[in-house]
Amino acid sequence: MNGADPRTGRPDIDPTTAKREELEQLVDDMEKRVEDEREKKGVPGNAAERAKQEPIVPDDQAPD
């Protein structure tokens, strides 16, 4: 064995790390699908709308 996974070409890693990376990718994919679905349906408050929002500065801020 040359120390690399023949399917991916990545170096061998312990099973716990591999499972964690697999789960992270799964969660990332699910979050992206939910985000796309909410944006497609026009649900208010999606991530794109929040990014465009101007910050609100209150009148009663303490001096710097």
PDB file of N, CA and C in Angstrom:
ATOM      1  N   MET A   1       0.839  -1.173   0.000  1.00  0.00           N
ATOM      2  CA  MET A   1       0.000   0.000   0.000  1.00  0.00           C
ATOM      3  C   MET A   1       0.889   1.243   0.000  1.00  0.00           C
ATOM      4  N   ASN A   2       0.534   2.227  -0.794  1.00  0.00           N
ATOM      5  CA  ASN A   2       1.385   3.407  -0.939  1.00  0.00           C
ATOM      6  C   ASN A   2       0.983   4.555  -0.017  1.00  0.00           C
ATOM      7  N   GLY A   3       0.048   4.340   0.890  1.00  0.00           N
ATOM      8  CA  GLY A   3      -0.335   5.380   1.823  1.00  0.00           C
ATOM      9  C   GLY A   3      -1.408   6.317   1.306  1.00  0.00           C
ATOM     10  N   ALA A   4      -2.036   5.983   0.174  1.00  0.00           N
ATOM     11  CA  ALA A   4      -3.095   6.832  -0.367  1.00  0.00           C
ATOM     12  C   ALA A   4      -4.325   5.996  -0.665  1.00  0.00           C
ATOM     13  N   ASP A   5      -5.473   6.595  -0.516  1.00  0.00           N
ATOM     14  CA  ASP A   5      -6.735   5.931  -0.848  1.00  0.00           C
ATOM     15  C   ASP A   5      -6.814   5.815  -2.368  1.00  0.00           C
ATOM     16  N   PRO A   6      -6.942   4.605  -2.907  1.00  0.00           N
ATOM     17  CA  PRO A   6      -6.955   4.443  -4.365  1.00  0.00           C
ATOM     18  C   PRO A   6      -8.155   5.109  -5.045  1.00  0.00           C
ATOM     19  N   ARG A   7      -9.256   5.308  -4.306  1.00  0.00           N
ATOM     20  CA  ARG A   7     -10.442   5.921  -4.906  1.00  0.00           C
ATOM     21  C   ARG A   7     -10.305   7.423  -5.038  1.00  0.00           C
ATOM     22  N   THR A   8      -9.678   8.044  -4.042  1.00  0.00           N
ATOM     23  CA  THR A   8      -9.610   9.508  -4.020  1.00  0.00           C
ATOM     24  C   THR A   8      -8.216  10.051  -4.280  1.00  0.00           C
ATOM     25  N   GLY A   9      -7.199   9.222  -4.069  1.00  0.00           N
ATOM     26  CA  GLY A   9      -5.834   9.688  -4.210  1.00  0.00           C
ATOM     27  C   GLY A   9      -5.345  10.463  -3.004  1.00  0.00           C
ATOM     28  N   ARG A  10      -6.221  10.625  -1.999  1.00  0.00           N
ATOM     29  CA  ARG A  10      -5.857  11.353  -0.789  1.00  0.00           C
ATOM     30  C   ARG A  10      -5.052  10.442   0.124  1.00  0.00           C
ATOM     31  N   PRO A  11      -4.189  11.030   0.927  1.00  0.00           N
ATOM     32  CA  PRO A  11      -3.437  10.205   1.885  1.00  0.00           C
ATOM     33  C   PRO A  11      -4.392   9.486   2.833  1.00  0.00           C
ATOM     34  N   ASP A  12      -3.957   8.311   3.299  1.00  0.00           N
ATOM     35  CA  ASP A  12      -4.760   7.566   4.270  1.00  0.00           C
ATOM     36  C   ASP A  12      -4.963   8.417   5.519  1.00  0.00           C
ATOM     37  N   ILE A  13      -6.193   8.419   6.023  1.00  0.00           N
ATOM     38  CA  ILE A  13      -6.494   9.111   7.268  1.00  0.00           C
ATOM     39  C   ILE A  13      -7.261   8.151   8.162  1.00  0.00           C
ATOM     40  N   ASP A  14      -7.270   8.441   9.441  1.00  0.00           N
ATOM     41  CA  ASP A  14      -7.954   7.533  10.361  1.00  0.00           C
ATOM     42  C   ASP A  14      -9.458   7.568  10.098  1.00  0.00           C
ATOM     43  N   PRO A  15     -10.162   6.498  10.433  1.00  0.00           N
ATOM     44  CA  PRO A  15     -11.602   6.409  10.165  1.00  0.00           C
ATOM     45  C   PRO A  15     -12.423   7.512  10.825  1.00  0.00           C
ATOM     46  N   THR A  16     -12.021   7.955  12.002  1.00  0.00           N
ATOM     47  CA  THR A  16     -12.772   9.012  12.690  1.00  0.00           C
ATOM     48  C   THR A  16     -12.705  10.315  11.898  1.00  0.00           C
ATOM     49  N   THR A  17     -11.531  10.667  11.422  1.00  0.00           N
ATOM     50  CA  THR A  17     -11.367  11.882  10.624  1.00  0.00           C
ATOM     51  C   THR A  17     -12.141  11.764   9.324  1.00  0.00           C
ATOM     52  N   ALA A  18     -12.088  10.606   8.701  1.00  0.00           N
ATOM     53  CA  ALA A  18     -12.801  10.398   7.448  1.00  0.00           C
ATOM     54  C   ALA A  18     -14.308  10.537   7.655  1.00  0.00           C
ATOM     55  N   LYS A  19     -14.831   9.967   8.720  1.00  0.00           N
ATOM     56  CA  LYS A  19     -16.264  10.047   9.009  1.00  0.00           C
ATOM     57  C   LYS A  19     -16.667  11.489   9.303  1.00  0.00           C
ATOM     58  N   ARG A  20     -15.841  12.203  10.064  1.00  0.00           N
ATOM     59  CA  ARG A  20     -16.130  13.604  10.379  1.00  0.00           C
ATOM     60  C   ARG A  20     -16.189  14.438   9.094  1.00  0.00           C
ATOM     61  N   GLU A  21     -15.240  14.232   8.196  1.00  0.00           N
ATOM     62  CA  GLU A  21     -15.230  14.966   6.931  1.00  0.00           C
ATOM     63  C   GLU A  21     -16.460  14.620   6.093  1.00  0.00           C
ATOM     64  N   GLU A  22     -16.843  13.357   6.105  1.00  0.00           N
ATOM     65  CA  GLU A  22     -18.027  12.920   5.371  1.00  0.00           C
ATOM     66  C   GLU A  22     -19.285  13.594   5.928  1.00  0.00           C
ATOM     67  N   LEU A  23     -19.396  13.633   7.251  1.00  0.00           N
ATOM     68  CA  LEU A  23     -20.552  14.268   7.884  1.00  0.00           C
ATOM     69  C   LEU A  23     -20.564  15.776   7.639  1.00  0.00           C
ATOM     70  N   GLU A  24     -19.396  16.415   7.697  1.00  0.00           N
ATOM     71  CA  GLU A  24     -19.320  17.851   7.422  1.00  0.00           C
ATOM     72  C   GLU A  24     -19.813  18.151   6.012  1.00  0.00           C
ATOM     73  N   GLN A  25     -19.399  17.337   5.056  1.00  0.00           N
ATOM     74  CA  GLN A  25     -19.822  17.540   3.663  1.00  0.00           C
ATOM     75  C   GLN A  25     -21.323  17.324   3.525  1.00  0.00           C
ATOM     76  N   LEU A  26     -21.853  16.316   4.200  1.00  0.00           N
ATOM     77  CA  LEU A  26     -23.277  16.035   4.159  1.00  0.00           C
ATOM     78  C   LEU A  26     -24.078  17.218   4.716  1.00  0.00           C
ATOM     79  N   VAL A  27     -23.655  17.756   5.852  1.00  0.00           N
ATOM     80  CA  VAL A  27     -24.341  18.895   6.460  1.00  0.00           C
ATOM     81  C   VAL A  27     -24.241  20.123   5.551  1.00  0.00           C
ATOM     82  N   ASP A  28     -23.061  20.371   4.997  1.00  0.00           N
ATOM     83  CA  ASP A  28     -22.897  21.505   4.082  1.00  0.00           C
ATOM     84  C   ASP A  28     -23.835  21.391   2.893  1.00  0.00           C
ATOM     85  N   ASP A  29     -23.941  20.192   2.329  1.00  0.00           N
ATOM     86  CA  ASP A  29     -24.841  19.969   1.185  1.00  0.00           C
ATOM     87  C   ASP A  29     -26.294  20.202   1.578  1.00  0.00           C
ATOM     88  N   MET A  30     -26.686  19.728   2.761  1.00  0.00           N
ATOM     89  CA  MET A  30     -28.067  19.909   3.215  1.00  0.00           C
ATOM     90  C   MET A  30     -28.372  21.390   3.443  1.00  0.00           C
ATOM     91  N   GLU A  31     -27.443  22.110   4.064  1.00  0.00           N
ATOM     92  CA  GLU A  31     -27.649  23.532   4.294  1.00  0.00           C
ATOM     93  C   GLU A  31     -27.785  24.286   2.976  1.00  0.00           C
ATOM     94  N   LYS A  32     -26.990  23.935   1.999  1.00  0.00           N
ATOM     95  CA  LYS A  32     -27.061  24.588   0.688  1.00  0.00           C
ATOM     96  C   LYS A  32     -28.405  24.307   0.023  1.00  0.00           C
ATOM     97  N   ARG A  33     -28.887  23.069   0.113  1.00  0.00           N
ATOM     98  CA  ARG A  33     -30.191  22.738  -0.486  1.00  0.00           C
ATOM     99  C   ARG A  33     -31.316  23.519   0.175  1.00  0.00           C
ATOM    100  N   VAL A  34     -31.280  23.617   1.500  1.00  0.00           N
ATOM    101  CA  VAL A  34     -32.314  24.369   2.225  1.00  0.00           C
ATOM    102  C   VAL A  34     -32.250  25.838   1.827  1.00  0.00           C
ATOM    103  N   GLU A  35     -31.060  26.390   1.766  1.00  0.00           N
ATOM    104  CA  GLU A  35     -30.881  27.794   1.382  1.00  0.00           C
ATOM    105  C   GLU A  35     -31.432  28.032  -0.025  1.00  0.00           C
ATOM    106  N   ASP A  36     -31.093  27.157  -0.957  1.00  0.00           N
ATOM    107  CA  ASP A  36     -31.580  27.295  -2.335  1.00  0.00           C
ATOM    108  C   ASP A  36     -33.100  27.182  -2.402  1.00  0.00           C
ATOM    109  N   GLU A  37     -33.650  26.240  -1.642  1.00  0.00           N
ATOM    110  CA  GLU A  37     -35.097  26.039  -1.635  1.00  0.00           C
ATOM    111  C   GLU A  37     -35.819  27.264  -1.063  1.00  0.00           C
ATOM    112  N   ARG A  38     -35.304  27.803   0.034  1.00  0.00           N
ATOM    113  CA  ARG A  38     -35.928  28.986   0.645  1.00  0.00           C
ATOM    114  C   ARG A  38     -35.848  30.193  -0.293  1.00  0.00           C
ATOM    115  N   GLU A  39     -34.716  30.344  -0.948  1.00  0.00           N
ATOM    116  CA  GLU A  39     -34.553  31.464  -1.873  1.00  0.00           C
ATOM    117  C   GLU A  39     -35.485  31.306  -3.075  1.00  0.00           C
ATOM    118  N   LYS A  40     -35.601  30.088  -3.568  1.00  0.00           N
ATOM    119  CA  LYS A  40     -36.471  29.797  -4.724  1.00  0.00           C
ATOM    120  C   LYS A  40     -37.934  30.090  -4.383  1.00  0.00           C
ATOM    121  N   LYS A  41     -38.344  29.759  -3.148  1.00  0.00           N
ATOM    122  CA  LYS A  41     -39.724  29.980  -2.724  1.00  0.00           C
ATOM    123  C   LYS A  41     -39.971  31.426  -2.311  1.00  0.00           C
ATOM    124  N   GLY A  42     -38.922  32.229  -2.214  1.00  0.00           N
ATOM    125  CA  GLY A  42     -39.087  33.620  -1.831  1.00  0.00           C
ATOM    126  C   GLY A  42     -39.366  33.819  -0.359  1.00  0.00           C
ATOM    127  N   VAL A  43     -38.900  32.899   0.455  1.00  0.00           N
ATOM    128  CA  VAL A  43     -39.104  33.007   1.899  1.00  0.00           C
ATOM    129  C   VAL A  43     -38.347  34.234   2.406  1.00  0.00           C
ATOM    130  N   PRO A  44     -39.032  35.138   3.098  1.00  0.00           N
ATOM    131  CA  PRO A  44     -38.341  36.330   3.582  1.00  0.00           C
ATOM    132  C   PRO A  44     -37.278  35.980   4.617  1.00  0.00           C
ATOM    133  N   GLY A  45     -36.230  36.760   4.601  1.00  0.00           N
ATOM    134  CA  GLY A  45     -35.174  36.572   5.582  1.00  0.00           C
ATOM    135  C   GLY A  45     -34.120  35.566   5.165  1.00  0.00           C
ATOM    136  N   ASN A  46     -34.039  35.263   3.866  1.00  0.00           N
ATOM    137  CA  ASN A  46     -33.007  34.318   3.452  1.00  0.00           C
ATOM    138  C   ASN A  46     -31.630  34.973   3.543  1.00  0.00           C
ATOM    139  N   ALA A  47     -30.595  34.195   3.386  1.00  0.00           N
ATOM    140  CA  ALA A  47     -29.225  34.670   3.589  1.00  0.00           C
ATOM    141  C   ALA A  47     -28.875  35.816   2.653  1.00  0.00           C
ATOM    142  N   ALA A  48     -29.322  35.770   1.413  1.00  0.00           N
ATOM    143  CA  ALA A  48     -29.011  36.826   0.459  1.00  0.00           C
ATOM    144  C   ALA A  48     -29.631  38.151   0.895  1.00  0.00           C
ATOM    145  N   GLU A  49     -30.854  38.101   1.400  1.00  0.00           N
ATOM    146  CA  GLU A  49     -31.506  39.321   1.879  1.00  0.00           C
ATOM    147  C   GLU A  49     -30.806  39.865   3.118  1.00  0.00           C
ATOM    148  N   ARG A  50     -30.382  38.996   3.995  1.00  0.00           N
ATOM    149  CA  ARG A  50     -29.687  39.450   5.199  1.00  0.00           C
ATOM    150  C   ARG A  50     -28.363  40.104   4.846  1.00  0.00           C
ATOM    151  N   ALA A  51     -27.684  39.607   3.840  1.00  0.00           N
ATOM    152  CA  ALA A  51     -26.399  40.170   3.432  1.00  0.00           C
ATOM    153  C   ALA A  51     -26.581  41.572   2.865  1.00  0.00           C
ATOM    154  N   LYS A  52     -27.720  41.854   2.244  1.00  0.00           N
ATOM    155  CA  LYS A  52     -27.983  43.152   1.632  1.00  0.00           C
ATOM    156  C   LYS A  52     -28.457  44.190   2.651  1.00  0.00           C
ATOM    157  N   GLN A  53     -28.874  43.755   3.821  1.00  0.00           N
ATOM    158  CA  GLN A  53     -29.456  44.642   4.830  1.00  0.00           C
ATOM    159  C   GLN A  53     -28.427  45.640   5.345  1.00  0.00           C
ATOM    160  N   GLU A  54     -28.820  46.904   5.395  1.00  0.00           N
ATOM    161  CA  GLU A  54     -27.962  47.949   5.972  1.00  0.00           C
ATOM    162  C   GLU A  54     -27.972  47.808   7.491  1.00  0.00           C
ATOM    163  N   PRO A  55     -26.822  47.995   8.132  1.00  0.00           N
ATOM    164  CA  PRO A  55     -26.807  47.919   9.594  1.00  0.00           C
ATOM    165  C   PRO A  55     -27.624  49.060  10.209  1.00  0.00           C
ATOM    166  N   ILE A  56     -28.279  48.758  11.291  1.00  0.00           N
ATOM    167  CA  ILE A  56     -29.086  49.750  11.997  1.00  0.00           C
ATOM    168  C   ILE A  56     -28.252  50.327  13.127  1.00  0.00           C
ATOM    169  N   VAL A  57     -28.129  51.653  13.140  1.00  0.00           N
ATOM    170  CA  VAL A  57     -27.355  52.329  14.175  1.00  0.00           C
ATOM    171  C   VAL A  57     -28.342  53.006  15.116  1.00  0.00           C
ATOM    172  N   PRO A  58     -28.413  52.571  16.375  1.00  0.00           N
ATOM    173  CA  PRO A  58     -29.349  53.185  17.317  1.00  0.00           C
ATOM    174  C   PRO A  58     -28.920  54.610  17.673  1.00  0.00           C
ATOM    175  N   ASP A  59     -29.898  55.428  18.043  1.00  0.00           N
ATOM    176  CA  ASP A  59     -29.630  56.817  18.404  1.00  0.00           C
ATOM    177  C   ASP A  59     -28.918  56.952  19.751  1.00  0.00           C
ATOM    178  N   ASP A  60     -29.058  55.965  20.590  1.00  0.00           N
ATOM    179  CA  ASP A  60     -28.526  56.095  21.946  1.00  0.00           C
ATOM    180  C   ASP A  60     -27.233  55.294  22.162  1.00  0.00           C
ATOM    181  N   GLN A  61     -26.334  55.354  21.199  1.00  0.00           N
ATOM    182  CA  GLN A  61     -25.069  54.630  21.332  1.00  0.00           C
ATOM    183  C   GLN A  61     -24.151  55.342  22.309  1.00  0.00           C
ATOM    184  N   ALA A  62     -23.408  54.556  23.046  1.00  0.00           N
ATOM    185  CA  ALA A  62     -22.418  55.119  23.973  1.00  0.00           C
ATOM    186  C   ALA A  62     -21.249  55.698  23.166  1.00  0.00           C
ATOM    187  N   PRO A  63     -20.629  56.751  23.648  1.00  0.00           N
ATOM    188  CA  PRO A  63     -19.471  57.323  22.929  1.00  0.00           C
ATOM    189  C   PRO A  63     -18.306  56.345  22.925  1.00  0.00           C
ATOM    190  N   ASP A  64     -17.468  56.482  21.918  1.00  0.00           N
ATOM    191  CA  ASP A  64     -16.290  55.605  21.800  1.00  0.00           C
ATOM    192  C   ASP A  64     -15.223  55.912  22.789  1.00  0.00           C
TER     193      ASP A  64
END
